[in-house]
Amino acid sequence: MSDQTIDEAWLTELVAAWPGAEAAEKPEWETFVLTVAGKIFGIFGVGSGELLLTLKGDPLDNEALRQEFPEVVPGYHVNKKHWISVRLADSTLSRDHLAELIEESYALVFATLTKKLQAELREIHKMNRLTREE
């Protein structure tokens, strides 16, 4: 990673801004996962001996990313069409670009939730923000 380091603390802080998003260790997988309403939208950990960030994406966008960036490969241990993995040690992607990809992954998974659950998560998030501001 050429600029700042990608780690669990940064991921946790990043996803805290989004309704229902959580970042947590998944010890049985020896990874760190990003979820919304229990659905995974990101996986951070070692796979095939290298540090990877695996994210859900639009299949056409995923293909374009794989063609443009050699460090972006088909998703590790997930559907290769709908997921990508970024080899972080070799990555030329900026942290801002990775943050955009993570947010896109979150948005794709959030959109699969029921409208009712989306509204509930937004309301809880809004209330939590108001509580923190007091």
C-alpha atoms as a PDB file:
ATOM      1  CA  MET A   1       0.000   0.000   0.000  1.00  0.00           C
ATOM      2  CA  SER A   2       1.648   3.155  -1.143  1.00  0.00           C
ATOM      3  CA  ASP A   3      -0.060   5.734   1.088  1.00  0.00           C
ATOM      4  CA  GLN A   4      -1.570   5.053   4.498  1.00  0.00           C
ATOM      5  CA  THR A   5      -1.960   1.587   5.913  1.00  0.00           C
ATOM      6  CA  ILE A   6      -5.208  -0.314   5.633  1.00  0.00           C
ATOM      7  CA  ASP A   7      -5.983  -1.980   8.963  1.00  0.00           C
ATOM      8  CA  GLU A   8      -8.856  -3.019  11.209  1.00  0.00           C
ATOM      9  CA  ALA A   9      -8.997   0.350  13.003  1.00  0.00           C
ATOM     10  CA  TRP A  10      -9.295   2.292   9.728  1.00  0.00           C
ATOM     11  CA  LEU A  11     -11.960  -0.082   8.405  1.00  0.00           C
ATOM     12  CA  THR A  12     -13.935   0.146  11.656  1.00  0.00           C
ATOM     13  CA  GLU A  13     -13.864   3.951  11.580  1.00  0.00           C
ATOM     14  CA  LEU A  14     -14.790   4.051   7.884  1.00  0.00           C
ATOM     15  CA  VAL A  15     -17.871   1.829   8.131  1.00  0.00           C
ATOM     16  CA  ALA A  16     -19.119   3.491  11.327  1.00  0.00           C
ATOM     17  CA  ALA A  17     -20.436   6.296   9.108  1.00  0.00           C
ATOM     18  CA  TRP A  18     -22.926   3.997   7.345  1.00  0.00           C
ATOM     19  CA  PRO A  19     -26.293   2.789   8.703  1.00  0.00           C
ATOM     20  CA  GLY A  20     -26.114  -0.759  10.043  1.00  0.00           C
ATOM     21  CA  ALA A  21     -22.494  -1.310   9.011  1.00  0.00           C
ATOM     22  CA  GLU A  22     -20.177  -3.124  11.399  1.00  0.00           C
ATOM     23  CA  ALA A  23     -16.592  -4.314  11.317  1.00  0.00           C
ATOM     24  CA  ALA A  24     -15.522  -7.232  13.491  1.00  0.00           C
ATOM     25  CA  GLU A  25     -13.136 -10.136  13.853  1.00  0.00           C
ATOM     26  CA  LYS A  26     -14.349 -13.486  12.560  1.00  0.00           C
ATOM     27  CA  PRO A  27     -11.977 -15.803  14.448  1.00  0.00           C
ATOM     28  CA  GLU A  28     -13.168 -19.019  12.800  1.00  0.00           C
ATOM     29  CA  TRP A  29     -12.088 -17.581   9.427  1.00  0.00           C
ATOM     30  CA  GLU A  30      -9.035 -15.799  10.864  1.00  0.00           C
ATOM     31  CA  THR A  31     -10.273 -12.620   9.157  1.00  0.00           C
ATOM     32  CA  PHE A  32     -11.935  -9.284   9.785  1.00  0.00           C
ATOM     33  CA  VAL A  33     -15.369  -8.868   8.165  1.00  0.00           C
ATOM     34  CA  LEU A  34     -17.492  -5.896   7.197  1.00  0.00           C
ATOM     35  CA  THR A  35     -21.220  -6.530   7.486  1.00  0.00           C
ATOM     36  CA  VAL A  36     -24.571  -4.827   7.262  1.00  0.00           C
ATOM     37  CA  ALA A  37     -27.507  -6.563   8.949  1.00  0.00           C
ATOM     38  CA  GLY A  38     -25.389  -9.709   9.169  1.00  0.00           C
ATOM     39  CA  LYS A  39     -24.603  -9.756   5.433  1.00  0.00           C
ATOM     40  CA  ILE A  40     -20.943  -9.575   4.464  1.00  0.00           C
ATOM     41  CA  PHE A  41     -19.802  -6.811   2.146  1.00  0.00           C
ATOM     42  CA  GLY A  42     -16.071  -7.012   2.842  1.00  0.00           C
ATOM     43  CA  ILE A  43     -13.409  -9.403   4.083  1.00  0.00           C
ATOM     44  CA  PHE A  44      -9.968  -8.288   5.255  1.00  0.00           C
ATOM     45  CA  GLY A  45      -7.314 -10.866   5.980  1.00  0.00           C
ATOM     46  CA  VAL A  46      -4.648 -13.179   4.695  1.00  0.00           C
ATOM     47  CA  GLY A  47      -5.546 -15.448   1.796  1.00  0.00           C
ATOM     48  CA  SER A  48      -3.112 -17.436  -0.321  1.00  0.00           C
ATOM     49  CA  GLY A  49      -0.334 -16.075   1.890  1.00  0.00           C
ATOM     50  CA  GLU A  50      -1.000 -12.387   1.173  1.00  0.00           C
ATOM     51  CA  LEU A  51      -3.056  -9.601   2.753  1.00  0.00           C
ATOM     52  CA  LEU A  52      -6.319  -9.184   0.829  1.00  0.00           C
ATOM     53  CA  LEU A  53      -9.324  -6.912   0.907  1.00  0.00           C
ATOM     54  CA  THR A  54     -12.253  -8.729  -0.716  1.00  0.00           C
ATOM     55  CA  LEU A  55     -15.286  -6.703  -1.786  1.00  0.00           C
ATOM     56  CA  LYS A  56     -18.572  -7.176  -3.581  1.00  0.00           C
ATOM     57  CA  GLY A  57     -18.992  -5.242  -6.803  1.00  0.00           C
ATOM     58  CA  ASP A  58     -20.893  -4.911 -10.038  1.00  0.00           C
ATOM     59  CA  PRO A  59     -19.599  -7.641 -12.391  1.00  0.00           C
ATOM     60  CA  LEU A  60     -18.784  -5.158 -15.195  1.00  0.00           C
ATOM     61  CA  ASP A  61     -17.009  -2.800 -12.788  1.00  0.00           C
ATOM     62  CA  ASN A  62     -15.118  -5.741 -11.295  1.00  0.00           C
ATOM     63  CA  GLU A  63     -13.887  -6.800 -14.726  1.00  0.00           C
ATOM     64  CA  ALA A  64     -12.792  -3.241 -15.543  1.00  0.00           C
ATOM     65  CA  LEU A  65     -10.889  -2.999 -12.244  1.00  0.00           C
ATOM     66  CA  ARG A  66      -9.156  -6.330 -12.883  1.00  0.00           C
ATOM     67  CA  GLN A  67      -8.065  -5.119 -16.317  1.00  0.00           C
ATOM     68  CA  GLU A  68      -6.825  -1.751 -15.058  1.00  0.00           C
ATOM     69  CA  PHE A  69      -5.096  -2.815 -11.843  1.00  0.00           C
ATOM     70  CA  PRO A  70      -2.981  -5.992 -11.708  1.00  0.00           C
ATOM     71  CA  GLU A  71      -3.419  -6.115  -7.913  1.00  0.00           C
ATOM     72  CA  VAL A  72      -7.189  -6.559  -8.332  1.00  0.00           C
ATOM     73  CA  VAL A  73      -7.981 -10.228  -8.809  1.00  0.00           C
ATOM     74  CA  PRO A  74     -11.119 -12.387  -8.745  1.00  0.00           C
ATOM     75  CA  GLY A  75     -12.506 -12.718  -5.217  1.00  0.00           C
ATOM     76  CA  TYR A  76     -10.693 -15.161  -2.940  1.00  0.00           C
ATOM     77  CA  HIS A  77     -13.014 -17.977  -1.766  1.00  0.00           C
ATOM     78  CA  VAL A  78     -16.130 -16.151  -3.055  1.00  0.00           C
ATOM     79  CA  ASN A  79     -18.075 -15.791  -6.308  1.00  0.00           C
ATOM     80  CA  LYS A  80     -15.450 -14.629  -8.809  1.00  0.00           C
ATOM     81  CA  LYS A  81     -17.974 -12.669 -10.889  1.00  0.00           C
ATOM     82  CA  HIS A  82     -19.466 -10.598  -8.070  1.00  0.00           C
ATOM     83  CA  TRP A  83     -16.413 -10.188  -5.843  1.00  0.00           C
ATOM     84  CA  ILE A  84     -12.869  -8.889  -6.201  1.00  0.00           C
ATOM     85  CA  SER A  85      -9.841  -9.169  -3.970  1.00  0.00           C
ATOM     86  CA  VAL A  86      -7.223  -6.436  -3.781  1.00  0.00           C
ATOM     87  CA  ARG A  87      -3.694  -7.646  -3.033  1.00  0.00           C
ATOM     88  CA  LEU A  88      -2.796  -4.875  -0.595  1.00  0.00           C
ATOM     89  CA  ALA A  89       0.979  -5.405  -0.458  1.00  0.00           C
ATOM     90  CA  ASP A  90       1.201  -4.773  -4.211  1.00  0.00           C
ATOM     91  CA  SER A  91      -1.572  -2.188  -4.410  1.00  0.00           C
ATOM     92  CA  THR A  92      -1.243   1.112  -6.227  1.00  0.00           C
ATOM     93  CA  LEU A  93      -4.837   1.995  -5.297  1.00  0.00           C
ATOM     94  CA  SER A  94      -5.032   4.948  -2.929  1.00  0.00           C
ATOM     95  CA  ARG A  95      -6.758   4.611   0.404  1.00  0.00           C
ATOM     96  CA  ASP A  96      -9.445   6.984  -0.915  1.00  0.00           C
ATOM     97  CA  HIS A  97     -10.039   4.718  -3.914  1.00  0.00           C
ATOM     98  CA  LEU A  98     -10.272   1.688  -1.634  1.00  0.00           C
ATOM     99  CA  ALA A  99     -12.735   3.595   0.577  1.00  0.00           C
ATOM    100  CA  GLU A 100     -14.899   4.236  -2.497  1.00  0.00           C
ATOM    101  CA  LEU A 101     -14.829   0.537  -3.411  1.00  0.00           C
ATOM    102  CA  ILE A 102     -15.753  -0.411   0.158  1.00  0.00           C
ATOM    103  CA  GLU A 103     -18.647   2.058   0.159  1.00  0.00           C
ATOM    104  CA  GLU A 104     -19.870   0.723  -3.204  1.00  0.00           C
ATOM    105  CA  SER A 105     -19.760  -2.808  -1.793  1.00  0.00           C
ATOM    106  CA  TYR A 106     -21.734  -1.671   1.260  1.00  0.00           C
ATOM    107  CA  ALA A 107     -24.313   0.067  -0.954  1.00  0.00           C
ATOM    108  CA  LEU A 108     -24.813  -3.056  -3.083  1.00  0.00           C
ATOM    109  CA  VAL A 109     -25.492  -5.210  -0.030  1.00  0.00           C
ATOM    110  CA  PHE A 110     -27.575  -2.546   1.749  1.00  0.00           C
ATOM    111  CA  ALA A 111     -29.798  -2.352  -1.352  1.00  0.00           C
ATOM    112  CA  THR A 112     -30.627  -6.069  -0.986  1.00  0.00           C
ATOM    113  CA  LEU A 113     -32.178  -5.481   2.447  1.00  0.00           C
ATOM    114  CA  THR A 114     -35.906  -4.936   2.763  1.00  0.00           C
ATOM    115  CA  LYS A 115     -37.071  -1.322   2.614  1.00  0.00           C
ATOM    116  CA  LYS A 116     -38.345  -1.705   6.168  1.00  0.00           C
ATOM    117  CA  LEU A 117     -34.979  -2.892   7.464  1.00  0.00           C
ATOM    118  CA  GLN A 118     -33.164  -0.151   5.541  1.00  0.00           C
ATOM    119  CA  ALA A 119     -35.425   2.452   7.181  1.00  0.00           C
ATOM    120  CA  GLU A 120     -34.882   0.911  10.634  1.00  0.00           C
ATOM    121  CA  LEU A 121     -31.104   0.919  10.207  1.00  0.00           C
ATOM    122  CA  ARG A 122     -31.138   4.533   9.030  1.00  0.00           C
ATOM    123  CA  GLU A 123     -33.240   5.565  12.024  1.00  0.00           C
ATOM    124  CA  ILE A 124     -30.989   3.721  14.505  1.00  0.00           C
ATOM    125  CA  HIS A 125     -27.934   5.292  12.885  1.00  0.00           C
ATOM    126  CA  LYS A 126     -29.494   8.745  13.072  1.00  0.00           C
ATOM    127  CA  MET A 127     -30.384   8.266  16.754  1.00  0.00           C
ATOM    128  CA  ASN A 128     -26.872   6.994  17.553  1.00  0.00           C
ATOM    129  CA  ARG A 129     -25.323  10.051  15.863  1.00  0.00           C
ATOM    130  CA  LEU A 130     -27.580  12.393  17.804  1.00  0.00           C
ATOM    131  CA  THR A 131     -26.709  10.641  21.067  1.00  0.00           C
ATOM    132  CA  ARG A 132     -22.964  10.931  20.370  1.00  0.00           C
ATOM    133  CA  GLU A 133     -23.319  14.644  19.579  1.00  0.00           C
ATOM    134  CA  GLU A 134     -24.945  15.425  22.952  1.00  0.00           C
END
